[in-house]
Protein backbone atom coordinates (compact mmCIF):
# COMPACT_ATOMS: atom_id res chain seq x y z
CA UNK A 1 -41.16 -28.74 -1.34
CA UNK A 2 -39.00 -31.15 -3.28
CA UNK A 3 -38.88 -31.24 -7.05
CA UNK A 4 -39.15 -34.12 -9.48
CA UNK A 5 -39.18 -32.03 -12.64
CA UNK A 6 -36.31 -31.90 -15.12
CA UNK A 7 -35.40 -29.08 -17.49
CA UNK A 8 -32.87 -29.73 -20.20
CA UNK A 9 -31.52 -27.77 -23.32
CA UNK A 10 -19.33 -21.24 11.34
CA UNK A 11 -16.36 -20.12 9.42
CA UNK A 12 -13.79 -21.42 11.89
CA UNK A 13 -10.28 -20.56 10.87
CA UNK A 14 -8.49 -23.45 12.53
CA UNK A 15 -9.78 -26.31 10.27
CA UNK A 16 -10.07 -24.10 7.19
CA UNK A 17 -7.27 -23.28 4.82
CA UNK A 18 -7.12 -20.26 2.60
CA UNK A 19 -8.12 -20.56 -1.02
CA UNK A 20 -4.52 -20.27 -2.17
CA UNK A 21 -3.28 -22.90 0.29
CA UNK A 22 -5.94 -25.36 -0.76
CA UNK A 23 -5.49 -24.65 -4.44
CA UNK A 24 -1.80 -25.50 -4.33
CA UNK A 25 -2.60 -29.01 -3.14
CA UNK A 26 -5.68 -29.63 -5.28
CA UNK A 27 -3.74 -29.03 -8.47
CA UNK A 28 -1.54 -31.98 -7.59
CA UNK A 29 -4.29 -34.61 -7.41
CA UNK A 30 -4.32 -37.79 -9.44
CA UNK A 31 -5.41 -37.88 -13.08
CA UNK A 32 -8.63 -39.68 -12.19
CA UNK A 33 -9.83 -36.81 -10.02
CA UNK A 34 -11.01 -33.51 -11.46
CA UNK A 35 -8.86 -30.51 -10.55
CA UNK A 36 -11.96 -28.33 -10.85
CA UNK A 37 -13.77 -29.06 -7.58
CA UNK A 38 -14.89 -25.96 -5.68
CA UNK A 39 -16.87 -25.33 -2.49
CA UNK A 40 -18.24 -21.81 -2.06
CA UNK A 41 -19.33 -21.19 1.53
CA UNK A 42 -20.84 -17.77 1.76
CA UNK A 43 -23.14 -15.47 3.70
CA UNK A 44 -26.59 -14.51 2.47
CA UNK A 45 -26.45 -12.05 -0.40
CA UNK A 46 -22.88 -12.93 -1.38
CA UNK A 47 -23.94 -13.96 -4.90
CA UNK A 48 -23.07 -17.60 -4.39
CA UNK A 49 -25.90 -18.75 -6.67
CA UNK A 50 -24.74 -16.20 -9.23
CA UNK A 51 -21.41 -18.05 -9.12
CA UNK A 52 -23.24 -21.06 -10.52
CA UNK A 53 -25.06 -19.05 -13.19
CA UNK A 54 -21.93 -17.26 -14.38
CA UNK A 55 -19.83 -20.43 -14.42
CA UNK A 56 -22.44 -22.50 -16.23
CA UNK A 57 -22.99 -19.91 -18.94
CA UNK A 58 -19.29 -19.15 -19.41
CA UNK A 59 -18.48 -22.30 -21.42
CA UNK A 60 -21.16 -23.64 -23.81
CA UNK A 61 -18.91 -26.55 -24.74
CA UNK A 62 -19.07 -27.99 -21.21
CA UNK A 63 -21.85 -30.51 -20.51
CA UNK A 64 -23.36 -29.30 -17.25
CA UNK A 65 -25.79 -30.62 -14.65
CA UNK A 66 -27.28 -28.16 -12.14
CA UNK A 67 -29.13 -29.64 -9.17
CA UNK A 68 -30.57 -28.53 -5.85
CA UNK A 69 -33.03 -29.86 -3.29
CA UNK A 70 -36.11 -27.64 -3.25
CA UNK A 71 -38.57 -26.85 -6.00
CA UNK A 72 -38.35 -23.14 -5.24
CA UNK A 73 -34.60 -22.98 -5.56
CA UNK A 74 -34.59 -25.06 -8.73
CA UNK A 75 -37.12 -22.71 -10.26
CA UNK A 76 -34.94 -19.72 -9.41
CA UNK A 77 -31.91 -21.38 -10.97
CA UNK A 78 -33.76 -22.24 -14.16
CA UNK A 79 -35.15 -18.74 -14.38
CA UNK A 80 -31.72 -17.17 -14.09
CA UNK A 81 -29.98 -19.66 -16.36
CA UNK A 82 -32.63 -19.20 -19.04
CA UNK A 83 -32.97 -15.41 -18.65
CA UNK A 84 -36.58 -15.94 -17.63
CA UNK A 85 -37.61 -17.94 -20.69
CA UNK A 86 -37.59 -21.38 -19.03
CA UNK A 87 -35.58 -22.74 -21.96
CA UNK A 88 -32.07 -23.65 -20.93
CA UNK A 89 -29.01 -23.58 -23.18
CA UNK A 90 -28.41 -26.88 -24.96
CA UNK A 91 -25.38 -27.75 -22.84
CA UNK A 92 -27.28 -27.43 -19.53
CA UNK A 93 -29.47 -29.93 -17.68
CA UNK A 94 -31.21 -28.89 -14.46
CA UNK A 95 -33.07 -31.23 -12.14
CA UNK A 96 -34.05 -31.67 -8.53
CA UNK A 97 -31.78 -33.68 -6.26
CA UNK A 98 -34.16 -36.64 -5.95
CA UNK A 99 -34.79 -36.73 -9.69
CA UNK A 100 -31.03 -36.90 -10.12
CA UNK A 101 -30.69 -39.71 -7.61
CA UNK A 102 -33.60 -41.73 -9.05
CA UNK A 103 -33.12 -41.32 -12.78
CA UNK A 104 -29.40 -40.86 -13.19
CA UNK A 105 -28.03 -42.96 -10.33
CA UNK A 106 -30.40 -45.59 -8.90
CA UNK A 107 -32.52 -46.78 -11.81
CA UNK A 108 -29.78 -47.45 -14.40
CA UNK A 109 -27.99 -49.96 -12.13
CA UNK A 110 -30.80 -51.12 -9.86
CA UNK A 111 -30.31 -54.76 -10.85
CA UNK A 112 -26.90 -54.78 -9.15
CA UNK A 113 -28.67 -54.32 -5.79
CA UNK A 114 -32.20 -55.60 -6.40
CA UNK A 115 -31.39 -58.49 -8.74
CA UNK A 116 -33.79 -57.29 -11.45
CA UNK A 117 -34.51 -54.33 -13.72
CA UNK A 118 -37.59 -52.14 -13.79
CA UNK A 119 -38.30 -52.64 -10.09
CA UNK A 120 -38.12 -49.04 -8.84
CA UNK A 121 -41.36 -47.16 -9.39
CA UNK A 122 -40.76 -43.79 -7.79
CA UNK A 123 -40.07 -42.01 -4.51
CA UNK A 124 -41.76 -42.46 -1.14
CA UNK A 125 -41.03 -39.11 0.46
CA UNK A 126 -42.77 -39.62 3.81
CA UNK A 127 -42.64 -43.36 4.49
CA UNK A 128 -40.15 -45.07 6.79
CA UNK A 129 -38.53 -48.45 6.35
CA UNK A 130 -39.65 -51.27 8.60
CA UNK A 131 -37.60 -51.19 11.80
CA UNK A 132 -36.24 -54.71 11.41
CA UNK A 133 -35.65 -54.64 7.64
CA UNK A 134 -32.27 -56.09 6.62
CA UNK A 135 -29.88 -55.07 3.87
CA UNK A 136 -29.88 -58.70 2.77
CA UNK A 137 -33.47 -58.11 1.66
CA UNK A 138 -32.93 -54.92 -0.37
CA UNK A 139 -36.46 -54.61 -1.75
CA UNK A 140 -37.81 -54.44 1.80
CA UNK A 141 -34.88 -52.37 3.06
CA UNK A 142 -34.99 -49.66 0.39
CA UNK A 143 -38.58 -49.69 -0.89
CA UNK A 144 -42.15 -49.67 0.31
CA UNK A 145 -44.74 -52.23 -0.82
CA UNK A 146 -45.47 -50.13 -3.92
CA UNK A 147 -41.79 -50.34 -4.95
CA UNK A 148 -41.19 -46.67 -4.25
CA UNK A 149 -37.78 -45.85 -2.79
CA UNK A 150 -37.73 -44.43 0.74
CA UNK A 151 -36.14 -41.00 0.58
CA UNK A 152 -33.90 -41.76 3.57
CA UNK A 153 -32.33 -44.66 1.67
CA UNK A 154 -32.08 -43.39 -1.89
CA UNK A 155 -28.56 -42.00 -1.77
CA UNK A 156 -27.51 -45.05 0.27
CA UNK A 157 -28.89 -47.25 -2.53
CA UNK A 158 -26.95 -45.20 -5.10
CA UNK A 159 -23.68 -45.68 -3.23
CA UNK A 160 -24.37 -49.41 -2.88
CA UNK A 161 -25.13 -49.69 -6.61
CA UNK A 162 -21.88 -47.94 -7.43
CA UNK A 163 -19.97 -50.32 -5.17
CA UNK A 164 -21.70 -53.40 -6.58
CA UNK A 165 -20.87 -52.37 -10.16
CA UNK A 166 -17.27 -51.40 -9.47
CA UNK A 167 -17.95 -47.73 -10.07
CA UNK A 168 -20.30 -47.82 -13.05
CA UNK A 169 -22.74 -45.32 -11.52
CA UNK A 170 -20.05 -42.65 -11.31
CA UNK A 171 -18.53 -43.72 -14.64
CA UNK A 172 -21.90 -43.23 -16.33
CA UNK A 173 -22.23 -39.74 -14.86
CA UNK A 174 -18.70 -38.91 -16.02
CA UNK A 175 -19.73 -39.91 -19.53
CA UNK A 176 -22.72 -37.57 -19.40
CA UNK A 177 -21.43 -34.47 -17.60
CA UNK A 178 -18.22 -32.50 -17.49
CA UNK A 179 -19.33 -30.49 -14.46
CA UNK A 180 -21.99 -30.86 -11.77
CA UNK A 181 -23.17 -27.84 -9.78
CA UNK A 182 -25.00 -28.34 -6.47
CA UNK A 183 -26.74 -25.36 -4.91
CA UNK A 184 -27.63 -25.15 -1.19
CA UNK A 185 -25.16 -27.88 -0.27
CA UNK A 186 -26.09 -27.48 3.41
CA UNK A 187 -29.36 -29.28 2.58
CA UNK A 188 -27.55 -32.53 1.76
CA UNK A 189 -27.54 -35.16 4.51
CA UNK A 190 -26.80 -38.78 5.30
CA UNK A 191 -25.44 -40.83 2.40
CA UNK A 192 -25.72 -37.78 0.13
CA UNK A 193 -22.29 -36.86 1.45
CA UNK A 194 -20.93 -40.30 0.60
CA UNK A 195 -22.09 -39.78 -2.98
CA UNK A 196 -20.64 -36.28 -3.03
CA UNK A 197 -17.32 -37.73 -1.90
CA UNK A 198 -17.39 -40.15 -4.85
CA UNK A 199 -18.09 -37.25 -7.19
CA UNK A 200 -15.19 -35.26 -5.74
CA UNK A 201 -12.90 -38.20 -6.55
CA UNK A 202 -14.22 -38.58 -10.09
CA UNK A 203 -13.16 -36.93 -13.38
CA UNK A 204 -16.27 -34.73 -13.15
CA UNK A 205 -15.73 -31.17 -12.00
CA UNK A 206 -17.95 -30.46 -8.99
CA UNK A 207 -18.98 -27.08 -7.60
CA UNK A 208 -21.06 -26.85 -4.42
CA UNK A 209 -22.33 -23.62 -2.91
CA UNK A 210 -24.13 -22.98 0.35
CA UNK A 211 -24.45 -21.17 3.65
CA UNK A 212 -24.37 -23.11 6.95
CA UNK A 213 -26.56 -20.41 8.50
CA UNK A 214 -29.40 -21.22 6.09
CA UNK A 215 -29.78 -24.92 6.90
CA UNK A 216 -33.57 -24.85 6.96
CA UNK A 217 -34.10 -28.16 5.12
CA UNK A 218 -32.50 -31.61 4.93
CA UNK A 219 -32.84 -34.10 2.10
CA UNK A 220 -33.30 -37.00 4.51
CA UNK A 221 -33.26 -38.06 8.15
CA UNK A 222 -30.63 -40.76 7.93
CA UNK A 223 -28.31 -41.15 10.92
CA UNK A 224 -25.35 -41.49 8.57
CA UNK A 225 -23.03 -38.47 8.85
CA UNK A 226 -25.33 -37.03 11.50
CA UNK A 227 -22.69 -34.68 12.89
CA UNK A 228 -22.30 -33.06 9.47
CA UNK A 229 -25.98 -32.36 8.97
CA UNK A 230 -26.97 -28.79 8.19
CA UNK A 231 -24.29 -26.29 9.15
CA UNK A 232 -21.92 -29.16 9.95
CA UNK A 233 -21.33 -29.62 6.24
CA UNK A 234 -18.61 -26.96 6.45
CA UNK A 235 -16.60 -29.27 8.71
CA UNK A 236 -17.13 -32.14 6.26
CA UNK A 237 -15.86 -29.96 3.42
CA UNK A 238 -12.93 -28.67 5.49
CA UNK A 239 -11.81 -32.26 6.01
CA UNK A 240 -11.73 -32.64 2.22
CA UNK A 241 -9.87 -29.49 1.29
CA UNK A 242 -7.35 -31.71 -0.52
CA UNK A 243 -10.13 -32.62 -2.96
CA UNK A 244 -11.61 -29.19 -3.63
CA UNK A 245 -10.83 -25.53 -3.35
CA UNK A 246 -12.71 -23.77 -0.56
CA UNK A 247 -13.84 -20.21 -1.13
CA UNK A 248 -15.22 -18.49 1.98
CA UNK A 249 -17.13 -15.27 1.37
CA UNK A 250 -18.08 -12.98 4.24
CA UNK A 251 -19.63 -10.16 2.23
CA UNK A 252 -23.22 -9.33 1.34
CA UNK A 253 -24.16 -7.38 -1.76
CA UNK A 254 -27.82 -7.51 -0.68
CA UNK A 255 -28.19 -6.39 2.94
CA UNK A 256 -27.06 -3.10 4.44
CA UNK A 257 -24.65 -3.24 7.37
CA UNK A 258 -27.28 -2.92 10.09
CA UNK A 259 -29.15 -5.93 8.73
CA UNK A 260 -25.90 -7.86 8.41
CA UNK A 261 -24.99 -7.05 12.01
CA UNK A 262 -28.38 -8.22 13.27
CA UNK A 263 -28.15 -11.47 11.31
CA UNK A 264 -24.55 -12.07 12.41
CA UNK A 265 -25.69 -11.89 16.02
CA UNK A 266 -27.48 -15.20 15.51
CA UNK A 267 -24.14 -16.89 14.76
CA UNK A 268 -21.56 -15.15 16.95
CA UNK A 269 -18.96 -17.90 16.39
CA UNK A 270 -18.79 -17.15 12.65
CA UNK A 271 -16.89 -14.30 11.09
CA UNK A 272 -18.92 -11.08 10.71
CA UNK A 273 -20.40 -10.10 7.36
CA UNK A 274 -19.33 -6.95 5.57
CA UNK A 275 -22.04 -5.17 3.61
CA UNK A 276 -21.40 -3.97 0.08
CA UNK A 277 -24.78 -2.22 0.01
CA UNK A 278 -24.18 1.38 1.00
CA UNK A 279 -27.40 2.79 -0.48
CA UNK A 280 -29.40 5.00 1.88
CA UNK A 281 -33.17 5.21 1.40
CA UNK A 282 -34.36 7.06 4.48
CA UNK A 283 -35.86 3.95 6.04
CA UNK A 284 -32.98 1.59 6.68
CA UNK A 285 -32.13 -1.04 9.27
CA UNK A 286 -34.10 -2.98 11.90
CA UNK A 287 -37.45 -1.78 13.25
CA UNK A 288 -40.17 -2.93 15.62
CA UNK A 289 -43.79 -1.93 15.09
CA UNK A 290 -47.02 -2.59 16.98
CA UNK A 291 -49.84 -4.64 15.52
CA UNK A 292 -52.10 -1.61 15.19
CA UNK A 293 -49.38 0.06 13.07
CA UNK A 294 -49.01 -2.78 10.60
CA UNK A 295 -51.47 -1.74 7.89
CA UNK A 296 -50.20 1.84 7.79
CA UNK A 297 -46.63 0.53 7.65
CA UNK A 298 -47.44 -1.81 4.77
CA UNK A 299 -49.14 0.98 2.84
CA UNK A 300 -46.16 3.28 3.35
CA UNK A 301 -43.26 0.89 2.73
CA UNK A 302 -44.73 -2.05 0.74
CA UNK A 303 -42.62 -4.78 2.42
CA UNK A 304 -42.75 -8.48 1.65
CA UNK A 305 -44.62 -10.07 4.55
CA UNK A 306 -42.93 -13.18 5.99
CA UNK A 307 -44.27 -15.70 8.49
CA UNK A 308 -42.96 -18.92 10.02
CA UNK A 309 -45.84 -20.96 8.62
CA UNK A 310 -49.53 -20.66 7.77
CA UNK A 311 -50.56 -20.80 11.44
CA UNK A 312 -49.26 -17.28 11.98
CA UNK A 313 -51.83 -14.50 12.28
CA UNK A 314 -50.76 -11.95 9.67
CA UNK A 315 -53.73 -9.66 10.21
CA UNK A 316 -55.23 -10.63 6.88
CA UNK A 317 -52.12 -9.76 4.88
CA UNK A 318 -50.83 -12.08 2.18
CA UNK A 319 -47.59 -13.63 3.40
CA UNK A 320 -44.83 -15.98 2.34
CA UNK A 321 -43.47 -18.76 4.55
CA UNK A 322 -39.89 -18.03 5.56
CA UNK A 323 -38.63 -21.35 4.20
CA UNK A 324 -40.01 -20.57 0.75
CA UNK A 325 -38.33 -17.18 0.71
CA UNK A 326 -34.82 -18.62 0.75
CA UNK A 327 -32.90 -17.38 -2.27
CA UNK A 328 -35.17 -14.37 -2.78
CA UNK A 329 -34.33 -10.67 -2.48
CA UNK A 330 -36.74 -7.94 -1.42
CA UNK A 331 -36.25 -4.24 -0.74
CA UNK A 332 -38.01 -4.59 2.62
CA UNK A 333 -39.53 -7.34 4.73
CA UNK A 334 -42.09 -7.38 7.50
CA UNK A 335 -41.82 -10.37 9.82
CA UNK A 336 -44.54 -11.82 12.03
CA UNK A 337 -42.17 -13.47 14.52
CA UNK A 338 -42.61 -16.59 16.62
CA UNK A 339 -42.43 -16.37 20.42
CA UNK A 340 -38.74 -17.45 20.46
CA UNK A 341 -37.96 -14.82 17.83
CA UNK A 342 -39.63 -12.19 20.00
CA UNK A 343 -37.56 -13.39 22.92
CA UNK A 344 -34.40 -12.99 20.85
CA UNK A 345 -35.38 -9.43 19.97
CA UNK A 346 -35.28 -8.62 23.66
CA UNK A 347 -32.26 -10.64 24.76
CA UNK A 348 -30.11 -10.95 21.62
CA UNK A 349 -29.24 -14.41 22.96
CA UNK A 350 -29.09 -16.78 19.94
CA UNK A 351 -29.90 -19.74 22.19
CA UNK A 352 -33.34 -18.20 22.72
CA UNK A 353 -34.12 -17.57 19.05
CA UNK A 354 -35.71 -20.95 18.37
CA UNK A 355 -35.13 -21.89 14.74
CA UNK A 356 -32.39 -19.33 14.28
CA UNK A 357 -31.68 -20.48 10.73
CA UNK A 358 -35.24 -19.46 9.81
CA UNK A 359 -34.80 -16.07 11.46
CA UNK A 360 -31.49 -15.60 9.64
CA UNK A 361 -33.13 -16.39 6.31
CA UNK A 362 -36.04 -14.04 6.98
CA UNK A 363 -33.88 -11.08 7.97
CA UNK A 364 -31.37 -11.48 5.14
CA UNK A 365 -33.99 -11.35 2.41
CA UNK A 366 -34.07 -7.56 2.79
CA UNK A 367 -31.84 -4.99 1.17
CA UNK A 368 -32.86 -1.93 3.17
CA UNK A 369 -35.19 -2.60 6.10
CA UNK A 370 -36.59 -5.33 8.33
CA UNK A 371 -39.59 -4.70 10.57
CA UNK A 372 -40.83 -7.04 13.30
CA UNK A 373 -44.40 -7.02 14.49
CA UNK A 374 -44.30 -6.97 18.30
CA UNK A 375 -47.06 -7.12 20.96
């Protein structure tokens, strides 16, 4: 799910300020902090990733880093930034979040924490640190016996290295990049937010985009900043609206209004989404079909088949896991729902939907129609 490759060449009005209100204060920040920090919090289909693509390509003189957590999303970004060629413009570097942390943050100043160079080998994505490991023994605290960094501690290590070197980690990044773009910011967790805070305070321009309703992944399981994990990142950003502009977008250029309304029902505390897709095809909206109707339906409408995971019985049809579909757009989708999702179809109670972020992602992949397979 995560990527180590590198390519080079609940909107709540009370804690949120309008874009204009925030902008007036951000432009008065100190000379050491970039005035170009932006957080785009937007519904599915609002073209938030296109914001990154357009901004990156608008100024070839600006040295740019684009990063995101998952392999799938990074591939989509590279494809769009390179117009499908895989070759990025010379001013652009794109890499996965953990590649960024390892190669650009942790390794260059590892001696400040570990007391030696060349110690870090790679990333231990699944291992856990020993329960009684102490920070005073950093090689045991941050790394496994093979000298691979535990994923839960990598951003913590980066922040510690920056502190131990009086800011050299961030200074080095500022010497390399004029602007850093982070897609799917709701995936960041733990000490990632501490690092993001340092970047917000730096001379580097930082743009983050995301949707709290699509918090299907997390970079780590650290207890640090636990209350801001997933959708809570909007509260973390709202508390820092003096460091970045906040642009809230409640429109969808992808989904028609009926799909938007269904998806909004999963998050009733957030502002409703307004559809900008008024196209009528003759088969539009939300549908339920029986299992014995599935093959005829697929032949007639050619939907993308989505499932929660590979354990789902899709009646022999090729299917994509919902998590992997994030960022994609299809004309139509056919969903093999979980039991909680089926329960939600009957009750429309979001507390009964199970992993409602997964259901939200699945439904909002479609432009015209969503069909659920029901018993």
